[in-house]
N, C-alpha and C. Protein backbone atom coordinates (compact mmCIF):
# COMPACT_ATOMS: atom_id res chain seq x y z
N MET A 1 -38.78 166.93 193.01
CA MET A 1 -39.15 165.56 193.81
C MET A 1 -40.51 166.31 194.37
N SER A 2 -41.34 165.04 194.23
CA SER A 2 -42.86 164.97 194.48
C SER A 2 -42.78 164.70 196.13
N ALA A 3 -44.07 164.97 196.46
CA ALA A 3 -44.08 164.59 198.34
C ALA A 3 -44.08 163.09 197.98
N LEU A 4 -44.59 162.42 197.52
CA LEU A 4 -44.55 160.93 197.26
C LEU A 4 -43.09 160.45 197.56
N ASP A 5 -42.15 160.93 196.56
CA ASP A 5 -41.17 160.64 196.34
C ASP A 5 -40.28 160.96 197.84
N THR A 6 -40.57 162.14 198.42
CA THR A 6 -39.95 162.43 199.73
C THR A 6 -40.48 161.18 200.67
N LEU A 7 -41.57 160.92 200.68
CA LEU A 7 -42.10 160.25 201.86
C LEU A 7 -41.70 158.61 201.44
N GLU A 8 -41.28 158.53 200.55
CA GLU A 8 -40.79 156.93 200.16
C GLU A 8 -38.96 157.01 200.36
N ARG A 9 -38.39 158.14 200.46
CA ARG A 9 -37.19 158.31 200.83
C ARG A 9 -36.98 158.24 202.20
N ASP A 10 -37.92 158.78 202.96
CA ASP A 10 -37.96 159.02 204.56
C ASP A 10 -38.22 157.70 204.87
N LEU A 11 -39.34 156.96 204.51
CA LEU A 11 -39.86 155.59 204.79
C LEU A 11 -38.58 154.59 204.77
N ILE A 12 -37.72 154.79 203.70
CA ILE A 12 -36.62 153.80 203.23
C ILE A 12 -35.37 153.88 204.57
N LEU A 13 -35.30 155.41 204.66
CA LEU A 13 -34.32 155.60 205.88
C LEU A 13 -34.78 155.13 206.99
N ALA A 14 -36.12 155.41 207.31
CA ALA A 14 -36.36 154.68 208.59
C ALA A 14 -36.44 153.19 208.66
N ALA A 15 -36.48 152.62 207.63
CA ALA A 15 -36.46 150.95 207.68
C ALA A 15 -34.74 150.79 207.69
N GLY A 16 -34.13 151.43 206.98
CA GLY A 16 -32.50 151.22 207.38
C GLY A 16 -31.97 151.44 208.88
N ALA A 17 -32.53 152.89 209.65
CA ALA A 17 -32.37 152.75 210.88
C ALA A 17 -33.02 151.71 211.72
N MET A 18 -34.11 151.22 211.53
CA MET A 18 -34.49 150.40 212.17
C MET A 18 -33.65 149.13 212.20
N VAL A 19 -33.09 148.58 211.08
CA VAL A 19 -32.43 147.66 210.67
C VAL A 19 -30.79 147.81 211.30
N ALA A 20 -30.80 148.85 211.62
CA ALA A 20 -29.26 149.21 211.91
C ALA A 20 -29.16 149.02 213.53
N LEU A 21 -30.41 149.43 213.99
CA LEU A 21 -30.79 149.45 215.38
C LEU A 21 -30.92 147.69 216.00
N ALA A 22 -31.79 147.20 215.20
CA ALA A 22 -31.72 145.76 215.50
C ALA A 22 -30.54 145.04 215.61
N GLY A 23 -29.71 145.32 214.55
CA GLY A 23 -28.20 144.85 214.58
C GLY A 23 -27.28 145.17 215.56
N ALA A 24 -27.60 146.41 216.12
CA ALA A 24 -26.73 146.65 217.43
C ALA A 24 -27.21 145.80 218.45
N LEU A 25 -28.49 145.72 218.55
CA LEU A 25 -29.33 144.96 219.66
C LEU A 25 -28.90 143.43 219.60
N LEU A 26 -28.55 143.14 218.59
CA LEU A 26 -28.46 141.80 218.02
C LEU A 26 -26.87 141.45 218.50
N LEU A 27 -26.23 142.18 218.41
CA LEU A 27 -24.70 142.03 218.85
C LEU A 27 -24.70 142.12 220.21
N VAL A 28 -25.46 142.78 221.13
CA VAL A 28 -25.41 142.73 222.57
C VAL A 28 -26.16 141.47 222.80
N ARG A 29 -26.97 140.98 221.91
CA ARG A 29 -27.40 139.40 222.50
C ARG A 29 -26.42 138.37 222.18
N ILE A 30 -25.84 138.58 221.09
CA ILE A 30 -24.54 137.60 220.56
C ILE A 30 -23.40 137.71 222.06
N TRP A 31 -23.16 139.04 222.41
CA TRP A 31 -21.96 139.09 223.37
C TRP A 31 -22.66 138.55 224.92
N ARG A 32 -23.56 138.93 225.24
CA ARG A 32 -24.08 139.06 226.63
C ARG A 32 -25.18 137.80 226.71
N GLY A 33 -25.46 137.11 225.73
CA GLY A 33 -26.45 135.69 225.69
C GLY A 33 -26.16 134.98 226.95
N PRO A 34 -27.13 134.69 227.88
CA PRO A 34 -26.88 133.85 228.74
C PRO A 34 -26.31 132.20 228.59
N SER A 35 -27.13 132.13 227.36
CA SER A 35 -27.08 130.54 227.00
C SER A 35 -26.54 130.51 225.78
N MET A 36 -26.11 129.27 225.11
CA MET A 36 -25.44 129.04 223.86
C MET A 36 -26.37 128.91 222.85
N LEU A 37 -27.99 128.82 223.32
CA LEU A 37 -28.73 128.68 222.89
C LEU A 37 -29.17 130.42 222.04
N ASP A 38 -29.34 131.02 222.92
CA ASP A 38 -29.49 132.60 223.09
C ASP A 38 -28.40 132.99 221.80
N ARG A 39 -27.21 132.69 222.02
CA ARG A 39 -26.45 133.12 220.97
C ARG A 39 -26.51 132.35 219.31
N ALA A 40 -26.55 131.07 219.55
CA ALA A 40 -27.37 130.67 218.29
C ALA A 40 -28.36 131.03 217.41
N VAL A 41 -29.31 131.54 218.53
CA VAL A 41 -30.62 132.08 217.94
C VAL A 41 -30.22 133.35 217.28
N ALA A 42 -29.59 134.17 217.82
CA ALA A 42 -28.99 135.60 217.62
C ALA A 42 -28.44 135.40 216.32
N LEU A 43 -27.38 134.31 216.25
CA LEU A 43 -26.58 134.37 214.93
C LEU A 43 -27.37 133.91 213.68
N ASP A 44 -28.40 133.46 213.98
CA ASP A 44 -29.46 132.95 213.04
C ASP A 44 -30.24 134.16 212.80
N VAL A 45 -30.51 134.94 213.49
CA VAL A 45 -31.21 136.33 213.13
C VAL A 45 -30.42 137.07 212.32
N VAL A 46 -28.79 137.06 212.21
CA VAL A 46 -28.33 137.85 211.64
C VAL A 46 -28.39 137.68 210.16
N ALA A 47 -28.70 136.39 209.84
CA ALA A 47 -29.22 136.34 208.20
C ALA A 47 -30.34 136.87 208.03
N ALA A 48 -31.51 137.11 208.95
CA ALA A 48 -32.62 137.81 208.20
C ALA A 48 -32.00 139.29 208.49
N LEU A 49 -31.21 139.69 209.30
CA LEU A 49 -31.29 141.42 209.26
C LEU A 49 -30.36 141.81 208.14
N ILE A 50 -29.48 140.94 207.64
CA ILE A 50 -28.72 141.00 206.58
C ILE A 50 -29.67 141.16 205.25
N THR A 51 -30.72 140.04 205.18
CA THR A 51 -31.67 140.04 204.23
C THR A 51 -32.43 141.27 204.07
N ALA A 52 -32.74 141.79 205.37
CA ALA A 52 -33.77 142.95 205.42
C ALA A 52 -32.56 144.17 205.07
N GLY A 53 -31.55 144.60 205.62
CA GLY A 53 -30.43 145.39 204.88
C GLY A 53 -30.35 145.42 203.41
N ILE A 54 -30.33 144.12 202.90
CA ILE A 54 -30.17 144.12 201.21
C ILE A 54 -31.43 144.62 200.80
N GLY A 55 -32.72 144.32 201.38
CA GLY A 55 -33.86 144.67 200.88
C GLY A 55 -34.17 146.31 200.89
N VAL A 56 -33.68 146.71 202.02
CA VAL A 56 -33.60 148.15 201.87
C VAL A 56 -32.67 149.08 201.00
N LYS A 57 -31.65 148.33 200.59
CA LYS A 57 -30.50 148.86 199.59
C LYS A 57 -31.22 148.63 198.12
N ALA A 58 -32.05 147.42 198.08
CA ALA A 58 -32.95 147.28 196.84
C ALA A 58 -33.62 148.27 196.65
N ALA A 59 -34.57 148.65 197.84
CA ALA A 59 -35.49 149.54 197.64
C ALA A 59 -34.94 151.08 197.26
N TRP A 60 -34.02 151.58 197.96
CA TRP A 60 -32.97 152.36 198.01
C TRP A 60 -32.85 152.72 196.58
N ASP A 61 -32.22 151.96 195.85
CA ASP A 61 -31.55 151.84 194.57
C ASP A 61 -32.52 151.66 193.37
N ARG A 62 -34.00 150.88 193.59
CA ARG A 62 -35.01 150.68 193.00
C ARG A 62 -34.24 149.69 191.89
N ASP A 63 -33.58 148.71 192.48
CA ASP A 63 -33.00 147.48 191.75
C ASP A 63 -33.38 146.57 192.07
N PRO A 64 -34.11 145.43 191.19
CA PRO A 64 -34.18 144.03 191.60
C PRO A 64 -33.37 143.04 191.48
N PHE A 65 -31.90 143.47 191.18
CA PHE A 65 -30.95 142.45 191.12
C PHE A 65 -30.60 142.02 192.18
N TYR A 66 -31.03 142.51 193.69
CA TYR A 66 -30.65 142.05 194.99
C TYR A 66 -31.56 140.87 195.34
N ILE A 67 -32.89 140.70 194.66
CA ILE A 67 -33.94 139.90 195.15
C ILE A 67 -33.36 138.25 194.98
N PRO A 68 -32.67 137.65 193.90
CA PRO A 68 -31.98 136.51 194.32
C PRO A 68 -31.15 136.41 195.44
N VAL A 69 -30.47 137.45 195.67
CA VAL A 69 -29.24 137.23 196.64
C VAL A 69 -30.21 136.96 198.07
N MET A 70 -31.50 137.86 197.97
CA MET A 70 -32.09 137.73 199.30
C MET A 70 -32.69 136.38 199.47
N LEU A 71 -33.32 135.77 198.55
CA LEU A 71 -33.70 134.69 198.68
C LEU A 71 -32.40 133.80 198.96
N VAL A 72 -31.55 133.59 198.61
CA VAL A 72 -30.43 132.59 198.91
C VAL A 72 -30.00 132.79 200.54
N LEU A 73 -29.88 133.97 200.67
CA LEU A 73 -29.60 134.28 202.46
C LEU A 73 -30.90 133.74 203.07
N ALA A 74 -31.66 133.92 202.53
CA ALA A 74 -33.22 133.41 203.41
C ALA A 74 -32.99 131.84 203.67
N PHE A 75 -32.48 131.07 202.41
CA PHE A 75 -32.65 129.80 202.48
C PHE A 75 -31.34 129.47 203.53
N LEU A 76 -30.20 129.94 203.02
CA LEU A 76 -29.49 129.77 204.22
C LEU A 76 -29.58 129.84 205.50
N GLY A 77 -30.43 130.94 205.86
CA GLY A 77 -31.00 131.16 207.44
C GLY A 77 -31.88 130.23 207.62
N PHE A 78 -32.55 129.56 206.89
CA PHE A 78 -33.38 128.70 207.23
C PHE A 78 -33.00 127.30 207.43
N THR A 79 -32.00 126.99 206.67
CA THR A 79 -31.26 125.80 206.79
C THR A 79 -30.22 126.04 208.20
N GLY A 80 -29.85 126.96 208.58
CA GLY A 80 -29.11 127.07 209.94
C GLY A 80 -29.89 126.89 210.87
N SER A 81 -31.15 127.43 210.98
CA SER A 81 -32.09 127.29 211.67
C SER A 81 -32.40 125.75 211.96
N VAL A 82 -32.42 125.15 211.02
CA VAL A 82 -32.96 123.57 211.25
C VAL A 82 -31.63 122.98 211.56
N GLY A 83 -30.73 123.46 211.54
CA GLY A 83 -29.33 122.56 211.84
C GLY A 83 -28.97 123.23 213.50
N ILE A 84 -29.33 124.22 213.69
CA ILE A 84 -29.25 124.51 215.26
C ILE A 84 -30.62 123.75 215.98
N ALA A 85 -31.78 123.58 215.46
CA ALA A 85 -32.81 122.94 216.10
C ALA A 85 -32.42 121.26 216.11
N ARG A 86 -31.82 120.68 215.51
CA ARG A 86 -31.44 119.62 215.16
C ARG A 86 -30.30 119.36 216.31
N PHE A 87 -29.36 120.02 216.29
CA PHE A 87 -28.33 119.70 217.18
C PHE A 87 -28.76 119.87 218.76
N ILE A 88 -29.64 121.12 218.79
CA ILE A 88 -30.29 121.16 220.17
C ILE A 88 -30.93 119.97 220.74
N ALA A 89 -31.93 119.40 219.80
CA ALA A 89 -32.67 118.21 220.28
C ALA A 89 -31.90 117.27 220.27
N VAL A 90 -30.76 116.80 219.41
CA VAL A 90 -29.93 115.58 219.98
C VAL A 90 -29.34 115.85 221.27
N ARG A 91 -28.77 117.02 221.31
CA ARG A 91 -28.22 117.11 222.75
C ARG A 91 -28.94 117.20 223.81
N ASP A 92 -30.23 117.44 224.02
CA ASP A 92 -31.13 117.64 225.13
C ASP A 92 -32.02 116.51 225.35
N ARG A 93 -31.68 115.43 224.37
CA ARG A 93 -32.52 114.27 224.33
C ARG A 93 -32.34 113.35 225.85
N PRO A 94 -33.36 112.73 226.49
CA PRO A 94 -33.21 112.31 227.71
C PRO A 94 -32.81 111.13 227.41
N ARG A 95 -32.01 110.43 228.37
CA ARG A 95 -31.68 109.06 228.56
C ARG A 95 -32.76 107.95 228.85
N PRO A 96 -32.73 107.02 228.27
CA PRO A 96 -33.64 105.98 228.44
C PRO A 96 -33.31 105.32 229.85
N ALA A 97 -34.63 105.09 230.41
CA ALA A 97 -34.74 104.78 231.79
C ALA A 97 -34.23 103.06 231.69
N PRO A 98 -33.35 102.39 232.70
CA PRO A 98 -32.97 101.23 232.70
C PRO A 98 -34.24 100.26 232.94
N SER A 99 -34.19 99.03 232.01
CA SER A 99 -35.15 98.08 232.29
C SER A 99 -34.97 97.44 233.54
N LYS A 100 -36.05 96.71 233.92
CA LYS A 100 -35.73 95.66 235.37
C LYS A 100 -34.61 94.88 235.35
N GLY A 101 -34.23 94.34 234.03
CA GLY A 101 -33.29 93.16 234.04
C GLY A 101 -31.80 94.06 233.86
N ASP A 102 -31.71 95.07 233.75
CA ASP A 102 -30.39 95.50 233.90
C ASP A 102 -29.85 95.86 235.24
N ARG A 103 -28.40 95.42 235.33
CA ARG A 103 -27.97 95.73 236.85
C ARG A 103 -26.74 96.75 236.42
N ARG A 104 -27.08 97.77 236.36
CA ARG A 104 -26.23 99.02 236.49
C ARG A 104 -26.10 99.88 237.76
């Protein structure tokens, strides 16, 4: 095993450790998030972390099979973000002010 292979292995292990640490912190945010929006965003980040974890596995195995899976998960994460944003935007829309002719 050459020095370059050892360095590559160590970097992949470090990336996996960072993904695991981010996942642990993300679980804390999901559990303790002060608002529903914090929890929704944290659940959206789960897709990104899963994609990153699959990327680490693909790098470890040196197998390009996982790239389409990563693309599909990234697309699902994006559509989830858009759905959450639209839901929050509709929910937080202010009510229109009554006109002068309305007697409410």
